[in-house]
Protein backbone atom coordinates (compact mmCIF):
# COMPACT_ATOMS: atom_id res chain seq x y z
CA MET A 1 0.00 0.00 0.00
CA ARG A 2 2.84 2.28 0.84
CA SER A 3 4.48 1.77 -2.59
CA SER A 4 1.22 2.49 -4.43
CA ASN A 5 0.81 5.77 -2.50
CA TYR A 6 4.41 6.60 -3.31
CA GLY A 7 3.86 5.85 -7.02
CA LEU A 8 0.62 7.84 -7.05
CA SER A 9 2.30 10.83 -5.44
CA LEU A 10 5.13 10.68 -8.01
CA LEU A 11 2.59 10.57 -10.82
CA ILE A 12 0.76 13.61 -9.42
CA LEU A 13 4.05 15.50 -9.00
CA PHE A 14 5.04 14.60 -12.58
CA LEU A 15 1.69 15.79 -14.02
CA ALA A 16 1.84 19.01 -11.96
CA SER A 17 5.28 19.81 -13.39
CA PHE A 18 3.98 19.37 -16.94
CA LEU A 19 1.05 21.61 -16.10
CA ALA A 20 3.37 24.27 -14.70
CA ILE A 21 5.61 24.14 -17.76
CA GLY A 22 2.60 24.41 -20.08
CA GLN A 23 1.24 27.44 -18.25
CA SER A 24 4.54 29.27 -18.13
CA SER A 25 5.01 29.08 -21.90
CA SER A 26 1.53 30.43 -22.63
CA GLU A 27 1.89 33.29 -20.14
CA LYS A 28 4.70 34.92 -22.09
CA PRO A 29 3.74 38.43 -23.17
CA ALA A 30 2.77 38.64 -26.84
CA LYS A 31 5.07 40.60 -29.07
CA ALA A 32 3.60 43.99 -29.89
CA LYS A 33 2.44 44.21 -33.51
CA ARG A 34 3.50 47.15 -35.64
CA VAL A 35 0.67 49.08 -37.29
CA PHE A 36 1.73 51.18 -40.26
CA THR A 37 -0.06 54.46 -40.84
CA ASN A 38 -0.10 56.77 -43.84
CA GLU A 39 2.46 58.90 -42.02
CA ASP A 40 4.83 55.92 -41.79
CA LEU A 41 4.35 55.19 -45.49
CA GLY A 42 5.09 58.84 -46.30
CA LYS A 43 8.40 58.57 -44.43
CA ILE A 44 9.27 55.41 -46.32
CA ARG A 45 8.45 57.05 -49.66
CA GLU A 46 10.65 60.03 -48.77
CA LYS A 47 13.52 57.76 -47.79
CA TYR A 48 13.35 55.28 -50.66
CA GLY A 49 11.40 57.22 -53.29
CA SER A 50 8.01 56.36 -54.64
CA GLU A 51 7.18 54.48 -57.80
CA ALA A 52 4.47 55.37 -60.30
CA ASP A 53 2.71 52.07 -59.54
CA SER A 54 2.22 53.06 -55.90
CA GLU A 55 -0.21 55.84 -56.76
CA PRO A 56 -3.89 55.01 -56.42
CA ALA A 57 -5.95 54.68 -59.60
CA THR A 58 -8.28 57.44 -58.47
CA ARG A 59 -7.42 60.22 -56.12
CA PRO A 60 -9.85 61.31 -53.43
CA GLY A 61 -12.44 63.66 -54.93
CA GLN A 62 -11.80 62.33 -58.42
CA THR A 63 -14.37 60.26 -60.25
CA ALA A 64 -13.49 57.02 -61.97
CA ASP A 65 -14.31 58.51 -65.41
CA THR A 66 -11.75 61.29 -65.05
CA ALA A 67 -9.13 58.83 -63.78
CA LYS A 68 -9.34 56.82 -67.01
CA GLN A 69 -8.74 59.80 -69.28
CA PRO A 70 -5.28 59.86 -70.85
CA VAL A 71 -2.78 62.20 -69.29
CA GLU A 72 -1.26 64.66 -71.71
CA THR A 73 2.54 64.49 -71.71
CA GLY A 74 3.23 67.46 -73.97
CA ALA A 75 5.07 70.62 -73.10
CA PRO A 76 3.90 72.39 -69.95
CA GLY A 77 1.19 74.94 -70.64
CA LYS A 78 0.28 73.25 -73.92
CA ALA A 79 -2.97 71.35 -73.62
CA ALA A 80 -4.08 69.40 -76.64
CA THR A 81 -7.34 70.71 -77.98
CA SER A 82 -9.72 69.25 -80.50
CA ASP A 83 -8.12 71.51 -83.11
CA SER A 84 -4.66 69.93 -82.80
CA LYS A 85 -3.43 66.90 -84.67
CA GLY A 86 -1.91 65.40 -81.53
CA TYR A 87 -5.31 65.26 -79.86
CA TRP A 88 -6.81 63.25 -82.72
CA VAL A 89 -3.75 60.99 -83.00
CA ALA A 90 -3.95 60.21 -79.26
CA LYS A 91 -7.68 59.54 -79.45
CA LEU A 92 -7.17 57.25 -82.47
CA LYS A 93 -4.39 55.34 -80.67
CA GLU A 94 -6.63 54.91 -77.64
CA THR A 95 -9.48 53.63 -79.80
CA ASP A 96 -7.15 51.31 -81.74
CA SER A 97 -5.72 49.84 -78.54
CA ALA A 98 -9.22 49.17 -77.15
CA LEU A 99 -10.16 47.53 -80.45
CA ALA A 100 -6.99 45.41 -80.42
CA LYS A 101 -7.75 44.24 -76.86
CA ALA A 102 -11.27 43.27 -77.89
CA LYS A 103 -9.92 41.30 -80.87
CA GLU A 104 -7.46 39.49 -78.59
CA GLN A 105 -10.32 38.60 -76.27
CA GLU A 106 -12.32 37.30 -79.22
CA LEU A 107 -9.45 35.05 -80.32
CA LYS A 108 -9.01 33.80 -76.76
CA PHE A 109 -12.68 32.91 -76.38
CA GLN A 110 -12.83 31.30 -79.83
CA GLY A 111 -10.00 29.03 -78.74
CA LEU A 112 -11.78 28.24 -75.49
CA VAL A 113 -15.02 27.43 -77.29
CA GLU A 114 -13.17 24.99 -79.57
CA LYS A 115 -11.37 23.44 -76.59
CA TYR A 116 -14.56 22.95 -74.57
CA GLU A 117 -16.50 21.63 -77.57
CA GLN A 118 -13.77 19.02 -78.01
CA LYS A 119 -14.03 18.16 -74.29
CA LEU A 120 -17.79 17.83 -74.76
CA ARG A 121 -17.33 15.42 -77.66
CA ASP A 122 -14.85 13.37 -75.60
CA ALA A 123 -16.92 13.49 -72.39
CA LYS A 124 -17.63 10.21 -70.69
CA GLY A 125 -20.38 10.31 -68.12
CA ASP A 126 -23.06 12.74 -67.12
CA PHE A 127 -20.86 14.90 -64.91
CA HIS A 128 -18.25 15.53 -67.61
CA THR A 129 -20.93 16.15 -70.21
CA LYS A 130 -22.78 18.66 -68.04
CA THR A 131 -19.58 20.43 -67.01
CA SER A 132 -18.42 20.70 -70.63
CA GLN A 133 -21.82 22.02 -71.72
CA GLU A 134 -21.63 24.73 -69.06
CA GLN A 135 -18.09 25.65 -70.11
CA VAL A 136 -19.14 25.88 -73.76
CA ALA A 137 -22.15 28.05 -72.87
CA ASP A 138 -20.02 30.34 -70.72
CA SER A 139 -17.34 30.67 -73.39
CA LEU A 140 -19.97 31.40 -76.05
CA LYS A 141 -21.41 34.14 -73.85
CA ASN A 142 -17.93 35.66 -73.39
CA LEU A 143 -17.26 35.33 -77.14
CA SER A 144 -20.45 37.20 -78.00
CA ARG A 145 -19.52 39.92 -75.48
CA ALA A 146 -16.09 40.27 -77.09
CA GLN A 147 -17.67 40.47 -80.55
CA ASP A 148 -20.02 43.22 -79.30
CA GLN A 149 -16.99 45.10 -77.96
CA ILE A 150 -15.35 44.82 -81.38
CA LYS A 151 -18.46 46.24 -83.05
CA GLN A 152 -18.59 49.08 -80.55
CA GLY A 153 -14.86 49.75 -81.02
CA GLU A 154 -15.18 49.85 -84.80
CA GLU A 155 -18.17 52.19 -84.52
CA ALA A 156 -16.24 54.43 -82.12
CA LYS A 157 -13.26 54.48 -84.49
CA ALA A 158 -15.47 55.38 -87.46
CA LYS A 159 -17.15 58.12 -85.42
CA LEU A 160 -13.76 59.46 -84.32
CA LEU A 161 -12.44 59.55 -87.87
CA ALA A 162 -15.62 61.32 -89.01
CA GLU A 163 -15.23 63.95 -86.27
CA ALA A 164 -11.57 64.41 -87.21
CA SER A 165 -12.43 64.86 -90.87
CA GLU A 166 -14.99 67.52 -89.88
CA LYS A 167 -12.13 69.37 -88.16
CA GLY A 168 -10.05 69.11 -91.34
CA PHE A 169 -7.82 66.11 -90.60
CA LYS A 170 -7.50 63.23 -93.05
CA PRO A 171 -7.59 59.69 -91.64
CA SER A 172 -4.25 58.97 -93.34
CA ASP A 173 -2.66 61.90 -91.50
CA LEU A 174 -3.84 60.59 -88.14
CA ARG A 175 -2.48 57.09 -88.65
CA GLU A 176 1.03 58.43 -89.07
CA GLU A 177 3.22 58.94 -86.06
CA ALA A 178 2.93 62.48 -84.72
CA PRO A 179 6.11 64.54 -85.32
CA ARG A 180 8.19 65.18 -82.20
């Protein structure tokens, strides 16, 4: 009986030490977290310089429409007006780039439609068939959206060229690179 009490007391002492060790490690004070403010970021920008990518897309008080307008990079004090060739060349480049993006999207979605139609033909089982049908339908929807964007881009380009010709600029003049 005496040895069982001795063994029981050792077991209790052993468990108590584990409990004490477990509590001491969790009672350590947590390391304070650093919260960065705009003031801290301003100091970092001053020290290391800021990049153009770090600027927000829209500034406070500025609408999203005005943020998307191209920034004129001409000489200071010279703003391009609708009477200058540079204005029409910049507008035409902007319209051409939007049209090129829409054509790239169309090619991408045409490829996806072909890919998913092939997966549909090769589908084995209801799950694969249904999934492929949904992918084809989604890709067709995206393809039609891209085609609508192309139509809108071509209409915008034609409208822009018509406006430029009303101002006295030939379409061939606007397609050339503006003299520097």
